[in-house]
Amino acid sequence: MNKQRNLVIGLIIVLVLVIFACLNTEPVAINFGFFQPKMPLIIVLVIMLLLGALVSLLIGKGEKVSPDVKKALAKQKKELDNKYQSEIEYKDKQIAELKKVNNSEATK
């Protein structure tokens, strides 16, 4: 359902952008620093739309994590939690023993 909603939203955005591009067909000068070509604004807009789509596609690819990696991370997190919990319990026991020793020395 989420993919369908994203598709519909994407198509609406594309339709609005295409209408906007079709309304802007007069030639404009584009400054690239070394040269300044004149081309219709519609071509510039379509090229920029395609470049924007490419950039968002490349950025979006980096966010996906495979299920195997998620499982491995969850397993590693559980192991670390268990390890640190046992260390905390051990340290708590040591603290309790030191308190007993300290109390017994203080009463002498």
N, C-alpha and C. Protein backbone atom coordinates (compact mmCIF):
# COMPACT_ATOMS: atom_id res chain seq x y z
N MET A 1 0.82 -1.18 0.00
CA MET A 1 0.00 0.00 0.00
C MET A 1 0.87 1.26 0.00
N ASN A 2 1.97 1.21 0.75
CA ASN A 2 2.87 2.35 0.84
C ASN A 2 3.52 2.66 -0.51
N LYS A 3 3.88 1.61 -1.25
CA LYS A 3 4.49 1.80 -2.57
C LYS A 3 3.49 2.41 -3.54
N GLN A 4 2.24 1.99 -3.46
CA GLN A 4 1.22 2.54 -4.34
C GLN A 4 0.99 4.02 -4.05
N ARG A 5 0.95 4.37 -2.78
CA ARG A 5 0.75 5.76 -2.40
C ARG A 5 1.92 6.61 -2.89
N ASN A 6 3.14 6.12 -2.73
CA ASN A 6 4.32 6.85 -3.20
C ASN A 6 4.29 6.99 -4.72
N LEU A 7 3.83 5.96 -5.42
CA LEU A 7 3.74 6.02 -6.87
C LEU A 7 2.74 7.09 -7.30
N VAL A 8 1.59 7.13 -6.68
CA VAL A 8 0.56 8.12 -7.02
C VAL A 8 1.08 9.54 -6.73
N ILE A 9 1.69 9.73 -5.59
CA ILE A 9 2.24 11.05 -5.24
C ILE A 9 3.33 11.44 -6.23
N GLY A 10 4.18 10.50 -6.58
CA GLY A 10 5.24 10.76 -7.55
C GLY A 10 4.68 11.12 -8.92
N LEU A 11 3.63 10.42 -9.35
CA LEU A 11 3.03 10.72 -10.65
C LEU A 11 2.38 12.11 -10.65
N ILE A 12 1.75 12.47 -9.54
CA ILE A 12 1.15 13.81 -9.45
C ILE A 12 2.23 14.88 -9.53
N ILE A 13 3.32 14.68 -8.83
CA ILE A 13 4.42 15.64 -8.87
C ILE A 13 4.99 15.74 -10.28
N VAL A 14 5.18 14.61 -10.93
CA VAL A 14 5.70 14.62 -12.30
C VAL A 14 4.74 15.34 -13.23
N LEU A 15 3.45 15.11 -13.08
CA LEU A 15 2.46 15.78 -13.92
C LEU A 15 2.52 17.29 -13.73
N VAL A 16 2.60 17.75 -12.50
CA VAL A 16 2.70 19.19 -12.23
C VAL A 16 3.98 19.76 -12.84
N LEU A 17 5.08 19.04 -12.70
CA LEU A 17 6.35 19.52 -13.25
C LEU A 17 6.34 19.55 -14.78
N VAL A 18 5.71 18.56 -15.40
CA VAL A 18 5.61 18.54 -16.87
C VAL A 18 4.75 19.71 -17.35
N ILE A 19 3.65 19.97 -16.69
CA ILE A 19 2.81 21.11 -17.06
C ILE A 19 3.60 22.41 -16.90
N PHE A 20 4.33 22.54 -15.81
CA PHE A 20 5.14 23.73 -15.58
C PHE A 20 6.19 23.88 -16.68
N ALA A 21 6.83 22.78 -17.05
CA ALA A 21 7.86 22.83 -18.08
C ALA A 21 7.26 23.21 -19.43
N CYS A 22 6.08 22.69 -19.77
CA CYS A 22 5.44 22.99 -21.05
C CYS A 22 5.01 24.45 -21.14
N LEU A 23 4.75 25.08 -20.02
CA LEU A 23 4.36 26.49 -20.03
C LEU A 23 5.57 27.42 -20.19
N ASN A 24 6.78 26.88 -20.05
CA ASN A 24 8.00 27.69 -20.13
C ASN A 24 8.87 27.20 -21.28
N THR A 25 8.54 27.62 -22.50
CA THR A 25 9.26 27.13 -23.68
C THR A 25 10.18 28.17 -24.30
N GLU A 26 10.23 29.41 -23.80
CA GLU A 26 11.06 30.44 -24.42
C GLU A 26 12.54 30.11 -24.20
N PRO A 27 13.39 30.49 -25.15
CA PRO A 27 14.82 30.20 -25.03
C PRO A 27 15.48 31.06 -23.94
N VAL A 28 16.40 30.44 -23.23
CA VAL A 28 17.14 31.15 -22.19
C VAL A 28 18.63 30.82 -22.33
N ALA A 29 19.46 31.70 -21.82
CA ALA A 29 20.91 31.47 -21.83
C ALA A 29 21.31 30.82 -20.51
N ILE A 30 22.05 29.75 -20.61
CA ILE A 30 22.54 29.03 -19.44
C ILE A 30 24.04 29.31 -19.34
N ASN A 31 24.49 29.78 -18.19
CA ASN A 31 25.89 30.14 -18.00
C ASN A 31 26.63 28.97 -17.36
N PHE A 32 27.54 28.35 -18.10
CA PHE A 32 28.36 27.26 -17.59
C PHE A 32 29.76 27.74 -17.22
N GLY A 33 29.98 29.04 -17.25
CA GLY A 33 31.29 29.59 -16.94
C GLY A 33 32.13 29.81 -18.19
N PHE A 34 32.38 28.73 -18.95
CA PHE A 34 33.21 28.83 -20.14
C PHE A 34 32.39 29.21 -21.37
N PHE A 35 31.15 28.78 -21.41
CA PHE A 35 30.30 29.11 -22.56
C PHE A 35 28.87 29.33 -22.05
N GLN A 36 28.06 29.90 -22.93
CA GLN A 36 26.70 30.28 -22.53
C GLN A 36 25.73 29.89 -23.65
N PRO A 37 25.32 28.61 -23.69
CA PRO A 37 24.41 28.19 -24.75
C PRO A 37 22.99 28.71 -24.51
N LYS A 38 22.27 28.90 -25.61
CA LYS A 38 20.85 29.28 -25.52
C LYS A 38 20.04 28.06 -25.89
N MET A 39 19.10 27.71 -25.04
CA MET A 39 18.22 26.57 -25.33
C MET A 39 16.86 26.85 -24.71
N PRO A 40 15.84 26.15 -25.19
CA PRO A 40 14.51 26.36 -24.61
C PRO A 40 14.49 25.98 -23.12
N LEU A 41 13.76 26.75 -22.35
CA LEU A 41 13.67 26.53 -20.92
C LEU A 41 13.09 25.16 -20.59
N ILE A 42 12.21 24.65 -21.44
CA ILE A 42 11.62 23.33 -21.21
C ILE A 42 12.69 22.24 -21.17
N ILE A 43 13.70 22.37 -22.04
CA ILE A 43 14.78 21.37 -22.06
C ILE A 43 15.61 21.48 -20.78
N VAL A 44 15.89 22.70 -20.36
CA VAL A 44 16.65 22.89 -19.13
C VAL A 44 15.88 22.31 -17.95
N LEU A 45 14.59 22.56 -17.88
CA LEU A 45 13.78 22.05 -16.77
C LEU A 45 13.73 20.52 -16.77
N VAL A 46 13.56 19.91 -17.94
CA VAL A 46 13.50 18.45 -18.01
C VAL A 46 14.84 17.84 -17.60
N ILE A 47 15.93 18.45 -18.06
CA ILE A 47 17.27 17.94 -17.67
C ILE A 47 17.45 18.06 -16.16
N MET A 48 17.05 19.17 -15.57
CA MET A 48 17.19 19.34 -14.13
C MET A 48 16.29 18.36 -13.36
N LEU A 49 15.10 18.10 -13.90
CA LEU A 49 14.22 17.11 -13.26
C LEU A 49 14.86 15.72 -13.28
N LEU A 50 15.45 15.36 -14.41
CA LEU A 50 16.09 14.05 -14.51
C LEU A 50 17.31 13.96 -13.59
N LEU A 51 18.08 15.04 -13.51
CA LEU A 51 19.23 15.03 -12.60
C LEU A 51 18.79 14.95 -11.14
N GLY A 52 17.70 15.63 -10.80
CA GLY A 52 17.17 15.55 -9.44
C GLY A 52 16.69 14.15 -9.11
N ALA A 53 16.03 13.51 -10.08
CA ALA A 53 15.56 12.13 -9.86
C ALA A 53 16.75 11.19 -9.69
N LEU A 54 17.81 11.40 -10.47
CA LEU A 54 18.99 10.56 -10.36
C LEU A 54 19.67 10.73 -9.00
N VAL A 55 19.79 11.95 -8.55
CA VAL A 55 20.40 12.21 -7.24
C VAL A 55 19.58 11.57 -6.12
N SER A 56 18.26 11.74 -6.17
CA SER A 56 17.43 11.14 -5.11
C SER A 56 17.47 9.61 -5.17
N LEU A 57 17.58 9.05 -6.35
CA LEU A 57 17.71 7.59 -6.48
C LEU A 57 19.02 7.12 -5.86
N LEU A 58 20.10 7.82 -6.16
CA LEU A 58 21.40 7.43 -5.61
C LEU A 58 21.44 7.59 -4.09
N ILE A 59 20.84 8.64 -3.57
CA ILE A 59 20.81 8.85 -2.13
C ILE A 59 19.93 7.81 -1.46
N GLY A 60 18.81 7.48 -2.07
CA GLY A 60 17.87 6.51 -1.50
C GLY A 60 18.42 5.10 -1.45
N LYS A 61 19.33 4.76 -2.33
CA LYS A 61 19.90 3.41 -2.36
C LYS A 61 20.75 3.12 -1.13
N GLY A 62 21.36 4.15 -0.54
CA GLY A 62 22.24 3.95 0.59
C GLY A 62 21.52 3.66 1.89
N GLU A 63 20.21 3.86 1.95
CA GLU A 63 19.49 3.70 3.20
C GLU A 63 19.02 2.26 3.46
N LYS A 64 18.97 1.46 2.45
CA LYS A 64 18.41 0.12 2.61
C LYS A 64 19.42 -0.82 3.25
N VAL A 65 18.95 -1.57 4.23
CA VAL A 65 19.79 -2.55 4.93
C VAL A 65 19.14 -3.91 4.72
N SER A 66 19.96 -4.88 4.34
CA SER A 66 19.42 -6.20 4.07
C SER A 66 18.94 -6.87 5.36
N PRO A 67 17.99 -7.80 5.25
CA PRO A 67 17.50 -8.50 6.44
C PRO A 67 18.60 -9.28 7.17
N ASP A 68 19.58 -9.80 6.43
CA ASP A 68 20.68 -10.53 7.06
C ASP A 68 21.49 -9.60 7.97
N VAL A 69 21.73 -8.39 7.49
CA VAL A 69 22.48 -7.42 8.29
C VAL A 69 21.68 -7.04 9.53
N LYS A 70 20.37 -6.85 9.37
CA LYS A 70 19.53 -6.52 10.51
C LYS A 70 19.56 -7.63 11.55
N LYS A 71 19.48 -8.88 11.10
CA LYS A 71 19.53 -10.02 12.03
C LYS A 71 20.87 -10.07 12.74
N ALA A 72 21.95 -9.87 12.00
CA ALA A 72 23.29 -9.91 12.60
C ALA A 72 23.45 -8.79 13.63
N LEU A 73 22.94 -7.61 13.31
CA LEU A 73 23.03 -6.50 14.26
C LEU A 73 22.20 -6.76 15.51
N ALA A 74 21.01 -7.33 15.33
CA ALA A 74 20.16 -7.64 16.48
C ALA A 74 20.83 -8.69 17.37
N LYS A 75 21.44 -9.70 16.74
CA LYS A 75 22.14 -10.74 17.50
C LYS A 75 23.32 -10.15 18.27
N GLN A 76 24.08 -9.30 17.61
CA GLN A 76 25.23 -8.68 18.25
C GLN A 76 24.78 -7.77 19.40
N LYS A 77 23.70 -7.05 19.21
CA LYS A 77 23.18 -6.18 20.27
C LYS A 77 22.76 -7.01 21.48
N LYS A 78 22.08 -8.14 21.22
CA LYS A 78 21.64 -9.00 22.31
C LYS A 78 22.84 -9.57 23.08
N GLU A 79 23.86 -9.99 22.34
CA GLU A 79 25.06 -10.52 22.99
C GLU A 79 25.73 -9.46 23.85
N LEU A 80 25.84 -8.24 23.32
CA LEU A 80 26.46 -7.16 24.09
C LEU A 80 25.63 -6.80 25.31
N ASP A 81 24.30 -6.79 25.16
CA ASP A 81 23.44 -6.50 26.31
C ASP A 81 23.63 -7.54 27.39
N ASN A 82 23.67 -8.82 27.01
CA ASN A 82 23.88 -9.89 27.98
C ASN A 82 25.24 -9.76 28.66
N LYS A 83 26.27 -9.46 27.87
CA LYS A 83 27.62 -9.34 28.41
C LYS A 83 27.68 -8.19 29.42
N TYR A 84 27.14 -7.04 29.05
CA TYR A 84 27.21 -5.90 29.96
C TYR A 84 26.31 -6.08 31.17
N GLN A 85 25.19 -6.77 31.01
CA GLN A 85 24.34 -7.04 32.16
C GLN A 85 25.06 -7.93 33.16
N SER A 86 25.75 -8.96 32.66
CA SER A 86 26.49 -9.83 33.57
C SER A 86 27.65 -9.07 34.23
N GLU A 87 28.29 -8.18 33.50
CA GLU A 87 29.35 -7.37 34.09
C GLU A 87 28.80 -6.44 35.18
N ILE A 88 27.65 -5.88 34.93
CA ILE A 88 27.03 -5.00 35.93
C ILE A 88 26.70 -5.79 37.19
N GLU A 89 26.14 -6.98 37.02
CA GLU A 89 25.82 -7.83 38.18
C GLU A 89 27.09 -8.18 38.95
N TYR A 90 28.17 -8.50 38.24
CA TYR A 90 29.44 -8.84 38.88
C TYR A 90 29.98 -7.65 39.66
N LYS A 91 29.93 -6.48 39.05
CA LYS A 91 30.42 -5.27 39.72
C LYS A 91 29.56 -4.93 40.94
N ASP A 92 28.24 -5.14 40.83
CA ASP A 92 27.36 -4.90 41.97
C ASP A 92 27.72 -5.82 43.14
N LYS A 93 28.04 -7.07 42.84
CA LYS A 93 28.45 -8.01 43.89
C LYS A 93 29.76 -7.55 44.52
N GLN A 94 30.69 -7.09 43.70
CA GLN A 94 31.97 -6.60 44.23
C GLN A 94 31.75 -5.38 45.12
N ILE A 95 30.88 -4.50 44.70
CA ILE A 95 30.59 -3.30 45.50
C ILE A 95 29.98 -3.70 46.84
N ALA A 96 29.05 -4.67 46.81
CA ALA A 96 28.42 -5.12 48.05
C ALA A 96 29.46 -5.72 48.99
N GLU A 97 30.38 -6.53 48.45
CA GLU A 97 31.43 -7.13 49.28
C GLU A 97 32.36 -6.06 49.86
N LEU A 98 32.71 -5.07 49.04
CA LEU A 98 33.58 -4.00 49.54
C LEU A 98 32.88 -3.18 50.63
N LYS A 99 31.58 -2.98 50.48
CA LYS A 99 30.83 -2.26 51.52
C LYS A 99 30.85 -3.04 52.82
N LYS A 100 30.68 -4.39 52.72
CA LYS A 100 30.71 -5.23 53.93
C LYS A 100 32.08 -5.11 54.61
N VAL A 101 33.13 -5.18 53.79
CA VAL A 101 34.49 -5.09 54.35
C VAL A 101 34.70 -3.73 54.98
N ASN A 102 34.23 -2.70 54.31
CA ASN A 102 34.38 -1.34 54.81
C ASN A 102 33.61 -1.14 56.10
N ASN A 103 32.41 -1.68 56.17
CA ASN A 103 31.57 -1.56 57.39
C ASN A 103 32.21 -2.34 58.54
N SER A 104 32.74 -3.53 58.25
CA SER A 104 33.35 -4.32 59.31
C SER A 104 34.61 -3.65 59.84
N GLU A 105 35.38 -2.99 58.97
CA GLU A 105 36.59 -2.28 59.42
C GLU A 105 36.21 -1.02 60.18
N ALA A 106 35.12 -0.39 59.78
CA ALA A 106 34.70 0.84 60.45
C ALA A 106 34.19 0.55 61.86
N THR A 107 33.64 -0.64 62.10
CA THR A 107 33.11 -0.98 63.42
C THR A 107 34.23 -1.41 64.37
N LYS A 108 35.38 -1.71 63.86
CA LYS A 108 36.50 -2.18 64.72
C LYS A 108 37.14 -1.06 65.42
